Amino acid sequence: MWTLYNAGLTSLFVGFVVALLISAAIGLFNGLFVTRLKIPSFLVTLGMLLVVRGVALFVTDGFPQRTWSASGLWLSNLLVGDFHIGPFRVYASLFWFIAAAIILSYMLTQSKFGNWIQAAGGNSVAARARGVNVNGVKVWLFVLSAVMSAFAGIISSIRTSAANPNSGTG
């Protein structure tokens, strides 16, 4: 996202959408490898970590991307802006967390898909016998996990004003 934005190739919003789409594709790839090829998810996600980190290092030449030029833009204010409630300073990322927790909790406990998730995780053989597409549920969960991780990474990079391709190593 920051490489596209800093190079002047696109707006911050388009870079944001591209980053989320790439993360969804990574989640889809991971999910398909786990469900179709029957490779353990730990190995698939560990391998993808190495691939994505290598691509990030290649694209950025190993140097952090500047993000301070995002301050004042509507998208950065929407994602990590702050405001005051009395003497307290509240960040927008808190509301994103609360919204995600409420929506995902509702989805898990009150929807058919949530029942499928619980069935597939509890006993996949029984869930399959009841008509649940267990592989499809797993793939969608990999995609959801990847998109949520990308969203959190974007918020973190805006907040800290640094998108470092070496973050999280060691």
N, C-alpha and C. Protein backbone atom coordinates (compact mmCIF):
# COMPACT_ATOMS: atom_id res chain seq x y z
N MET A 1 0.82 -1.18 0.00
CA MET A 1 0.00 0.00 0.00
C MET A 1 0.87 1.25 0.00
N TRP A 2 1.85 1.28 0.92
CA TRP A 2 2.67 2.49 1.03
C TRP A 2 3.60 2.64 -0.16
N THR A 3 4.06 1.55 -0.73
CA THR A 3 4.92 1.64 -1.90
C THR A 3 4.15 2.25 -3.07
N LEU A 4 2.91 1.81 -3.27
CA LEU A 4 2.08 2.38 -4.34
C LEU A 4 1.79 3.85 -4.09
N TYR A 5 1.46 4.19 -2.86
CA TYR A 5 1.12 5.57 -2.52
C TYR A 5 2.33 6.49 -2.59
N ASN A 6 3.44 6.07 -2.00
CA ASN A 6 4.64 6.92 -1.97
C ASN A 6 5.25 7.12 -3.34
N ALA A 7 5.09 6.14 -4.24
CA ALA A 7 5.62 6.28 -5.60
C ALA A 7 4.71 7.14 -6.47
N GLY A 8 3.56 7.53 -5.94
CA GLY A 8 2.64 8.36 -6.70
C GLY A 8 1.85 7.58 -7.74
N LEU A 9 1.81 6.26 -7.60
CA LEU A 9 1.11 5.43 -8.58
C LEU A 9 -0.40 5.43 -8.35
N THR A 10 -0.81 5.69 -7.13
CA THR A 10 -2.23 5.64 -6.82
C THR A 10 -2.53 6.45 -5.57
N SER A 11 -3.81 6.60 -5.30
CA SER A 11 -4.21 7.30 -4.08
C SER A 11 -4.10 6.34 -2.89
N LEU A 12 -4.20 6.90 -1.71
CA LEU A 12 -4.12 6.07 -0.51
C LEU A 12 -5.29 5.10 -0.45
N PHE A 13 -6.48 5.54 -0.85
CA PHE A 13 -7.65 4.67 -0.81
C PHE A 13 -7.48 3.48 -1.74
N VAL A 14 -7.01 3.72 -2.95
CA VAL A 14 -6.81 2.62 -3.90
C VAL A 14 -5.73 1.67 -3.39
N GLY A 15 -4.66 2.21 -2.82
CA GLY A 15 -3.63 1.38 -2.22
C GLY A 15 -4.16 0.54 -1.08
N PHE A 16 -5.05 1.13 -0.28
CA PHE A 16 -5.70 0.41 0.81
C PHE A 16 -6.52 -0.76 0.27
N VAL A 17 -7.32 -0.51 -0.74
CA VAL A 17 -8.15 -1.57 -1.33
C VAL A 17 -7.26 -2.64 -1.96
N VAL A 18 -6.20 -2.24 -2.65
CA VAL A 18 -5.28 -3.21 -3.26
C VAL A 18 -4.64 -4.08 -2.19
N ALA A 19 -4.23 -3.47 -1.08
CA ALA A 19 -3.62 -4.24 0.02
C ALA A 19 -4.60 -5.26 0.58
N LEU A 20 -5.87 -4.86 0.76
CA LEU A 20 -6.87 -5.80 1.27
C LEU A 20 -7.15 -6.91 0.26
N LEU A 21 -7.18 -6.58 -1.03
CA LEU A 21 -7.40 -7.61 -2.05
C LEU A 21 -6.24 -8.59 -2.13
N ILE A 22 -5.03 -8.08 -2.02
CA ILE A 22 -3.86 -8.97 -2.03
C ILE A 22 -3.89 -9.89 -0.82
N SER A 23 -4.26 -9.34 0.33
CA SER A 23 -4.34 -10.18 1.53
C SER A 23 -5.44 -11.23 1.39
N ALA A 24 -6.56 -10.87 0.76
CA ALA A 24 -7.62 -11.86 0.53
C ALA A 24 -7.13 -12.96 -0.40
N ALA A 25 -6.34 -12.59 -1.40
CA ALA A 25 -5.78 -13.60 -2.32
C ALA A 25 -4.81 -14.52 -1.58
N ILE A 26 -4.02 -13.96 -0.67
CA ILE A 26 -3.11 -14.77 0.13
C ILE A 26 -3.89 -15.74 1.01
N GLY A 27 -4.96 -15.26 1.63
CA GLY A 27 -5.80 -16.13 2.45
C GLY A 27 -6.45 -17.22 1.62
N LEU A 28 -6.91 -16.86 0.42
CA LEU A 28 -7.51 -17.85 -0.47
C LEU A 28 -6.49 -18.91 -0.87
N PHE A 29 -5.30 -18.48 -1.20
CA PHE A 29 -4.21 -19.40 -1.56
C PHE A 29 -3.92 -20.35 -0.39
N ASN A 30 -3.79 -19.79 0.82
CA ASN A 30 -3.52 -20.62 1.99
C ASN A 30 -4.66 -21.62 2.21
N GLY A 31 -5.89 -21.14 2.14
CA GLY A 31 -7.03 -22.01 2.37
C GLY A 31 -7.12 -23.13 1.35
N LEU A 32 -6.83 -22.82 0.09
CA LEU A 32 -6.89 -23.85 -0.94
C LEU A 32 -5.76 -24.87 -0.77
N PHE A 33 -4.60 -24.41 -0.36
CA PHE A 33 -3.50 -25.35 -0.12
C PHE A 33 -3.83 -26.29 1.03
N VAL A 34 -4.45 -25.75 2.08
CA VAL A 34 -4.79 -26.58 3.24
C VAL A 34 -5.90 -27.56 2.90
N THR A 35 -6.93 -27.09 2.20
CA THR A 35 -8.09 -27.96 1.95
C THR A 35 -7.91 -28.89 0.77
N ARG A 36 -7.30 -28.42 -0.29
CA ARG A 36 -7.18 -29.25 -1.49
C ARG A 36 -5.97 -30.19 -1.46
N LEU A 37 -4.84 -29.66 -1.01
CA LEU A 37 -3.62 -30.46 -1.01
C LEU A 37 -3.38 -31.17 0.32
N LYS A 38 -4.21 -30.87 1.32
CA LYS A 38 -4.13 -31.52 2.64
C LYS A 38 -2.78 -31.29 3.33
N ILE A 39 -2.21 -30.11 3.10
CA ILE A 39 -0.98 -29.73 3.79
C ILE A 39 -1.39 -29.09 5.11
N PRO A 40 -0.74 -29.43 6.21
CA PRO A 40 -1.11 -28.83 7.50
C PRO A 40 -1.05 -27.30 7.45
N SER A 41 -2.04 -26.68 8.08
CA SER A 41 -2.15 -25.22 7.99
C SER A 41 -0.94 -24.51 8.59
N PHE A 42 -0.30 -25.10 9.61
CA PHE A 42 0.89 -24.48 10.18
C PHE A 42 1.99 -24.35 9.13
N LEU A 43 2.20 -25.41 8.36
CA LEU A 43 3.25 -25.36 7.33
C LEU A 43 2.90 -24.39 6.21
N VAL A 44 1.64 -24.37 5.82
CA VAL A 44 1.23 -23.46 4.73
C VAL A 44 1.40 -22.01 5.16
N THR A 45 0.92 -21.67 6.35
CA THR A 45 1.02 -20.28 6.79
C THR A 45 2.47 -19.87 7.08
N LEU A 46 3.27 -20.80 7.59
CA LEU A 46 4.69 -20.50 7.81
C LEU A 46 5.40 -20.27 6.47
N GLY A 47 5.12 -21.11 5.50
CA GLY A 47 5.70 -20.93 4.17
C GLY A 47 5.27 -19.62 3.53
N MET A 48 3.98 -19.27 3.69
CA MET A 48 3.49 -18.02 3.13
C MET A 48 4.11 -16.82 3.83
N LEU A 49 4.37 -16.93 5.12
CA LEU A 49 5.07 -15.87 5.85
C LEU A 49 6.41 -15.58 5.19
N LEU A 50 7.15 -16.64 4.89
CA LEU A 50 8.47 -16.46 4.28
C LEU A 50 8.37 -15.87 2.88
N VAL A 51 7.39 -16.30 2.11
CA VAL A 51 7.20 -15.78 0.76
C VAL A 51 6.82 -14.30 0.80
N VAL A 52 5.85 -13.96 1.63
CA VAL A 52 5.38 -12.57 1.70
C VAL A 52 6.47 -11.66 2.25
N ARG A 53 7.20 -12.12 3.25
CA ARG A 53 8.28 -11.29 3.78
C ARG A 53 9.37 -11.08 2.72
N GLY A 54 9.67 -12.12 1.96
CA GLY A 54 10.65 -11.98 0.88
C GLY A 54 10.20 -11.00 -0.18
N VAL A 55 8.93 -11.06 -0.55
CA VAL A 55 8.39 -10.11 -1.53
C VAL A 55 8.43 -8.69 -0.98
N ALA A 56 8.08 -8.53 0.29
CA ALA A 56 8.11 -7.20 0.91
C ALA A 56 9.53 -6.64 0.93
N LEU A 57 10.49 -7.48 1.24
CA LEU A 57 11.89 -7.02 1.24
C LEU A 57 12.35 -6.66 -0.17
N PHE A 58 11.91 -7.44 -1.16
CA PHE A 58 12.29 -7.15 -2.54
C PHE A 58 11.67 -5.84 -3.02
N VAL A 59 10.39 -5.65 -2.75
CA VAL A 59 9.68 -4.46 -3.24
C VAL A 59 10.22 -3.20 -2.58
N THR A 60 10.53 -3.28 -1.30
CA THR A 60 10.97 -2.09 -0.57
C THR A 60 12.49 -1.95 -0.48
N ASP A 61 13.23 -2.87 -1.06
CA ASP A 61 14.69 -2.91 -0.95
C ASP A 61 15.14 -3.01 0.51
N GLY A 62 14.26 -3.51 1.37
CA GLY A 62 14.61 -3.70 2.77
C GLY A 62 14.53 -2.46 3.63
N PHE A 63 14.05 -1.36 3.06
CA PHE A 63 13.97 -0.10 3.81
C PHE A 63 12.54 0.20 4.21
N PRO A 64 12.36 0.80 5.39
CA PRO A 64 11.01 1.17 5.81
C PRO A 64 10.39 2.18 4.84
N GLN A 65 9.08 2.10 4.70
CA GLN A 65 8.34 3.03 3.85
C GLN A 65 7.81 4.16 4.74
N ARG A 66 7.94 5.37 4.24
CA ARG A 66 7.44 6.50 5.03
C ARG A 66 5.92 6.54 4.94
N THR A 67 5.31 6.85 6.06
CA THR A 67 3.86 6.95 6.09
C THR A 67 3.39 8.27 6.67
N TRP A 68 4.32 9.13 7.07
CA TRP A 68 3.91 10.37 7.71
C TRP A 68 3.17 11.29 6.75
N SER A 69 3.29 11.08 5.44
CA SER A 69 2.55 11.92 4.51
C SER A 69 1.07 11.57 4.49
N ALA A 70 0.67 10.55 5.23
CA ALA A 70 -0.75 10.16 5.29
C ALA A 70 -1.52 10.97 6.31
N SER A 71 -0.82 11.69 7.18
CA SER A 71 -1.54 12.44 8.20
C SER A 71 -2.38 13.53 7.54
N GLY A 72 -3.59 13.66 8.02
CA GLY A 72 -4.51 14.65 7.47
C GLY A 72 -5.37 14.13 6.35
N LEU A 73 -5.07 12.98 5.80
CA LEU A 73 -5.91 12.41 4.75
C LEU A 73 -7.15 11.78 5.38
N TRP A 74 -8.25 11.81 4.65
CA TRP A 74 -9.52 11.34 5.20
C TRP A 74 -9.47 9.86 5.60
N LEU A 75 -8.77 9.04 4.81
CA LEU A 75 -8.72 7.62 5.13
C LEU A 75 -7.92 7.37 6.40
N SER A 76 -6.79 8.04 6.55
CA SER A 76 -6.00 7.85 7.77
C SER A 76 -6.75 8.39 8.99
N ASN A 77 -7.47 9.47 8.82
CA ASN A 77 -8.28 9.98 9.94
C ASN A 77 -9.40 9.01 10.29
N LEU A 78 -9.99 8.40 9.28
CA LEU A 78 -11.07 7.43 9.52
C LEU A 78 -10.53 6.20 10.25
N LEU A 79 -9.33 5.75 9.88
CA LEU A 79 -8.79 4.53 10.45
C LEU A 79 -8.15 4.74 11.82
N VAL A 80 -7.40 5.81 12.00
CA VAL A 80 -6.66 6.00 13.26
C VAL A 80 -6.82 7.39 13.85
N GLY A 81 -7.77 8.15 13.39
CA GLY A 81 -7.96 9.48 13.94
C GLY A 81 -8.28 9.42 15.42
N ASP A 82 -8.15 10.55 16.09
CA ASP A 82 -8.45 10.58 17.51
C ASP A 82 -9.38 11.75 17.79
N PHE A 83 -10.05 11.63 18.91
CA PHE A 83 -10.92 12.70 19.38
C PHE A 83 -10.99 12.59 20.91
N HIS A 84 -11.58 13.59 21.51
CA HIS A 84 -11.61 13.64 22.97
C HIS A 84 -13.04 13.47 23.47
N ILE A 85 -13.17 12.62 24.48
CA ILE A 85 -14.42 12.49 25.21
C ILE A 85 -14.09 12.93 26.63
N GLY A 86 -14.44 14.16 26.93
CA GLY A 86 -14.05 14.74 28.21
C GLY A 86 -12.54 14.86 28.25
N PRO A 87 -11.90 14.38 29.31
CA PRO A 87 -10.44 14.48 29.39
C PRO A 87 -9.72 13.33 28.70
N PHE A 88 -10.48 12.38 28.13
CA PHE A 88 -9.87 11.19 27.56
C PHE A 88 -9.69 11.31 26.05
N ARG A 89 -8.55 10.86 25.59
CA ARG A 89 -8.25 10.82 24.16
C ARG A 89 -8.61 9.42 23.66
N VAL A 90 -9.46 9.34 22.64
CA VAL A 90 -9.94 8.06 22.13
C VAL A 90 -9.54 7.95 20.66
N TYR A 91 -8.98 6.81 20.30
CA TYR A 91 -8.57 6.58 18.92
C TYR A 91 -9.67 5.83 18.16
N ALA A 92 -9.77 6.09 16.87
CA ALA A 92 -10.76 5.43 16.03
C ALA A 92 -10.52 3.93 15.95
N SER A 93 -9.27 3.51 16.09
CA SER A 93 -8.98 2.08 16.02
C SER A 93 -9.69 1.31 17.13
N LEU A 94 -9.98 1.96 18.25
CA LEU A 94 -10.76 1.32 19.30
C LEU A 94 -12.15 0.98 18.78
N PHE A 95 -12.76 1.90 18.03
CA PHE A 95 -14.08 1.65 17.48
C PHE A 95 -14.04 0.58 16.39
N TRP A 96 -12.95 0.51 15.63
CA TRP A 96 -12.82 -0.55 14.64
C TRP A 96 -12.76 -1.91 15.33
N PHE A 97 -12.03 -1.96 16.45
CA PHE A 97 -11.95 -3.22 17.21
C PHE A 97 -13.32 -3.61 17.76
N ILE A 98 -14.03 -2.65 18.35
CA ILE A 98 -15.34 -2.94 18.91
C ILE A 98 -16.31 -3.37 17.81
N ALA A 99 -16.29 -2.70 16.67
CA ALA A 99 -17.16 -3.07 15.55
C ALA A 99 -16.86 -4.47 15.05
N ALA A 100 -15.58 -4.80 14.91
CA ALA A 100 -15.21 -6.15 14.46
C ALA A 100 -15.63 -7.19 15.48
N ALA A 101 -15.44 -6.92 16.77
CA ALA A 101 -15.82 -7.87 17.80
C ALA A 101 -17.33 -8.11 17.80
N ILE A 102 -18.11 -7.05 17.65
CA ILE A 102 -19.57 -7.19 17.65
C ILE A 102 -20.04 -7.94 16.41
N ILE A 103 -19.55 -7.54 15.25
CA ILE A 103 -19.98 -8.18 13.99
C ILE A 103 -19.58 -9.64 13.95
N LEU A 104 -18.33 -9.93 14.29
CA LEU A 104 -17.87 -11.31 14.23
C LEU A 104 -18.51 -12.18 15.32
N SER A 105 -18.77 -11.59 16.48
CA SER A 105 -19.46 -12.33 17.53
C SER A 105 -20.89 -12.66 17.10
N TYR A 106 -21.56 -11.69 16.51
CA TYR A 106 -22.91 -11.94 16.01
C TYR A 106 -22.89 -13.02 14.93
N MET A 107 -21.93 -12.91 14.02
CA MET A 107 -21.83 -13.89 12.94
C MET A 107 -21.60 -15.29 13.50
N LEU A 108 -20.75 -15.39 14.50
CA LEU A 108 -20.41 -16.70 15.06
C LEU A 108 -21.56 -17.31 15.85
N THR A 109 -22.31 -16.49 16.56
CA THR A 109 -23.34 -17.04 17.45
C THR A 109 -24.75 -16.99 16.89
N GLN A 110 -25.02 -16.16 15.90
CA GLN A 110 -26.40 -15.97 15.46
C GLN A 110 -26.65 -16.29 13.99
N SER A 111 -25.66 -16.76 13.26
CA SER A 111 -25.85 -17.00 11.83
C SER A 111 -25.62 -18.46 11.48
N LYS A 112 -26.12 -18.81 10.33
CA LYS A 112 -25.92 -20.18 9.84
C LYS A 112 -24.43 -20.43 9.60
N PHE A 113 -23.74 -19.44 9.05
CA PHE A 113 -22.30 -19.60 8.82
C PHE A 113 -21.55 -19.82 10.12
N GLY A 114 -21.96 -19.13 11.20
CA GLY A 114 -21.34 -19.34 12.50
C GLY A 114 -21.55 -20.77 13.00
N ASN A 115 -22.74 -21.30 12.77
CA ASN A 115 -22.98 -22.70 13.13
C ASN A 115 -22.08 -23.63 12.32
N TRP A 116 -21.90 -23.31 11.06
CA TRP A 116 -21.02 -24.11 10.21
C TRP A 116 -19.58 -24.06 10.71
N ILE A 117 -19.15 -22.87 11.15
CA ILE A 117 -17.79 -22.71 11.67
C ILE A 117 -17.61 -23.61 12.90
N GLN A 118 -18.56 -23.53 13.81
CA GLN A 118 -18.45 -24.33 15.03
C GLN A 118 -18.52 -25.82 14.73
N ALA A 119 -19.37 -26.20 13.78
CA ALA A 119 -19.48 -27.61 13.43
C ALA A 119 -18.21 -28.11 12.76
N ALA A 120 -17.68 -27.32 11.83
CA ALA A 120 -16.47 -27.73 11.11
C ALA A 120 -15.28 -27.80 12.06
N GLY A 121 -15.22 -26.92 13.04
CA GLY A 121 -14.11 -26.95 13.99
C GLY A 121 -14.27 -28.01 15.05
N GLY A 122 -15.51 -28.34 15.40
CA GLY A 122 -15.75 -29.33 16.43
C GLY A 122 -15.57 -30.75 15.94
N ASN A 123 -16.27 -31.09 14.87
CA ASN A 123 -16.20 -32.44 14.32
C ASN A 123 -16.49 -32.34 12.83
N SER A 124 -15.43 -32.27 12.05
CA SER A 124 -15.59 -32.04 10.62
C SER A 124 -16.30 -33.20 9.92
N VAL A 125 -16.13 -34.41 10.40
CA VAL A 125 -16.80 -35.57 9.78
C VAL A 125 -18.30 -35.47 9.99
N ALA A 126 -18.72 -35.16 11.22
CA ALA A 126 -20.15 -35.01 11.50
C ALA A 126 -20.73 -33.81 10.75
N ALA A 127 -19.97 -32.71 10.67
CA ALA A 127 -20.46 -31.54 9.95
C ALA A 127 -20.64 -31.85 8.47
N ARG A 128 -19.69 -32.57 7.91
CA ARG A 128 -19.79 -32.96 6.50
C ARG A 128 -21.01 -33.85 6.28
N ALA A 129 -21.28 -34.75 7.23
CA ALA A 129 -22.45 -35.62 7.13
C ALA A 129 -23.76 -34.84 7.23
N ARG A 130 -23.75 -33.69 7.89
CA ARG A 130 -24.94 -32.85 8.01
C ARG A 130 -25.07 -31.87 6.86
N GLY A 131 -24.15 -31.92 5.89
CA GLY A 131 -24.26 -31.07 4.70
C GLY A 131 -23.45 -29.80 4.72
N VAL A 132 -22.57 -29.65 5.69
CA VAL A 132 -21.74 -28.45 5.76
C VAL A 132 -20.56 -28.61 4.82
N ASN A 133 -20.31 -27.60 4.02
CA ASN A 133 -19.14 -27.59 3.14
C ASN A 133 -17.93 -27.19 3.99
N VAL A 134 -17.32 -28.16 4.63
CA VAL A 134 -16.24 -27.90 5.59
C VAL A 134 -15.06 -27.22 4.91
N ASN A 135 -14.68 -27.67 3.73
CA ASN A 135 -13.55 -27.05 3.04
C ASN A 135 -13.85 -25.60 2.68
N GLY A 136 -15.07 -25.33 2.23
CA GLY A 136 -15.45 -23.96 1.91
C GLY A 136 -15.40 -23.06 3.14
N VAL A 137 -15.87 -23.56 4.26
CA VAL A 137 -15.84 -22.79 5.51
C VAL A 137 -14.39 -22.48 5.89
N LYS A 138 -13.52 -23.47 5.79
CA LYS A 138 -12.11 -23.25 6.13
C LYS A 138 -11.47 -22.22 5.22
N VAL A 139 -11.76 -22.30 3.93
CA VAL A 139 -11.18 -21.33 2.98
C VAL A 139 -11.65 -19.92 3.33
N TRP A 140 -12.95 -19.75 3.59
CA TRP A 140 -13.46 -18.42 3.94
C TRP A 140 -12.85 -17.91 5.23
N LEU A 141 -12.58 -18.79 6.17
CA LEU A 141 -11.94 -18.35 7.41
C LEU A 141 -10.49 -17.93 7.19
N PHE A 142 -9.79 -18.61 6.30
CA PHE A 142 -8.43 -18.18 5.95
C PHE A 142 -8.46 -16.79 5.30
N VAL A 143 -9.42 -16.57 4.40
CA VAL A 143 -9.55 -15.26 3.75
C VAL A 143 -9.88 -14.18 4.78
N LEU A 144 -10.85 -14.46 5.66
CA LEU A 144 -11.23 -13.50 6.69
C LEU A 144 -10.05 -13.17 7.61
N SER A 145 -9.32 -14.18 8.00
CA SER A 145 -8.16 -13.98 8.87
C SER A 145 -7.10 -13.11 8.18
N ALA A 146 -6.86 -13.37 6.91
CA ALA A 146 -5.85 -12.59 6.18
C ALA A 146 -6.28 -11.14 6.03
N VAL A 147 -7.54 -10.90 5.70
CA VAL A 147 -8.02 -9.53 5.52
C VAL A 147 -8.00 -8.78 6.86
N MET A 148 -8.40 -9.43 7.93
CA MET A 148 -8.37 -8.78 9.24
C MET A 148 -6.93 -8.47 9.67
N SER A 149 -6.01 -9.37 9.35
CA SER A 149 -4.60 -9.12 9.66
C SER A 149 -4.05 -7.95 8.87
N ALA A 150 -4.41 -7.88 7.60
CA ALA A 150 -3.97 -6.75 6.76
C ALA A 150 -4.55 -5.43 7.28
N PHE A 151 -5.81 -5.46 7.66
CA PHE A 151 -6.46 -4.26 8.19
C PHE A 151 -5.74 -3.79 9.46
N ALA A 152 -5.42 -4.73 10.34
CA ALA A 152 -4.69 -4.38 11.57
C ALA A 152 -3.30 -3.85 11.25
N GLY A 153 -2.63 -4.45 10.27
CA GLY A 153 -1.30 -3.98 9.88
C GLY A 153 -1.34 -2.58 9.30
N ILE A 154 -2.37 -2.29 8.51
CA ILE A 154 -2.51 -0.95 7.93
C ILE A 154 -2.73 0.07 9.04
N ILE A 155 -3.61 -0.24 9.97
CA ILE A 155 -3.86 0.68 11.09
C ILE A 155 -2.58 0.89 11.89
N SER A 156 -1.85 -0.18 12.15
CA SER A 156 -0.60 -0.07 12.90
C SER A 156 0.43 0.78 12.16
N SER A 157 0.53 0.60 10.86
CA SER A 157 1.52 1.37 10.10
C SER A 157 1.16 2.85 10.04
N ILE A 158 -0.12 3.17 9.98
CA ILE A 158 -0.51 4.58 10.00
C ILE A 158 -0.23 5.17 11.38
N ARG A 159 -0.56 4.43 12.42
CA ARG A 159 -0.38 4.93 13.78
C ARG A 159 1.09 5.18 14.11
N THR A 160 1.96 4.25 13.72
CA THR A 160 3.38 4.38 14.08
C THR A 160 4.17 5.17 13.05
N SER A 161 3.54 5.54 11.94
CA SER A 161 4.21 6.28 10.85
C SER A 161 5.40 5.53 10.28
N ALA A 162 5.29 4.22 10.25
CA ALA A 162 6.37 3.42 9.70
C ALA A 162 5.82 2.09 9.20
N ALA A 163 6.17 1.75 7.99
CA ALA A 163 5.83 0.45 7.42
C ALA A 163 7.16 -0.24 7.14
N ASN A 164 7.62 -1.00 8.10
CA ASN A 164 8.93 -1.62 8.02
C ASN A 164 8.78 -3.06 7.55
N PRO A 165 9.44 -3.45 6.43
CA PRO A 165 9.33 -4.82 5.97
C PRO A 165 9.99 -5.84 6.90
N ASN A 166 10.79 -5.37 7.84
CA ASN A 166 11.45 -6.25 8.80
C ASN A 166 10.70 -6.36 10.12
N SER A 167 9.52 -5.77 10.21
CA SER A 167 8.76 -5.82 11.46
C SER A 167 8.41 -7.25 11.81
N GLY A 168 8.52 -7.58 13.06
CA GLY A 168 8.13 -8.89 13.54
C GLY A 168 9.17 -9.98 13.40
N THR A 169 10.34 -9.65 12.88
CA THR A 169 11.37 -10.69 12.77
C THR A 169 12.04 -10.87 14.13
N GLY A 170 12.53 -12.10 14.33
CA GLY A 170 13.27 -12.38 15.53
C GLY A 170 12.46 -12.55 16.74
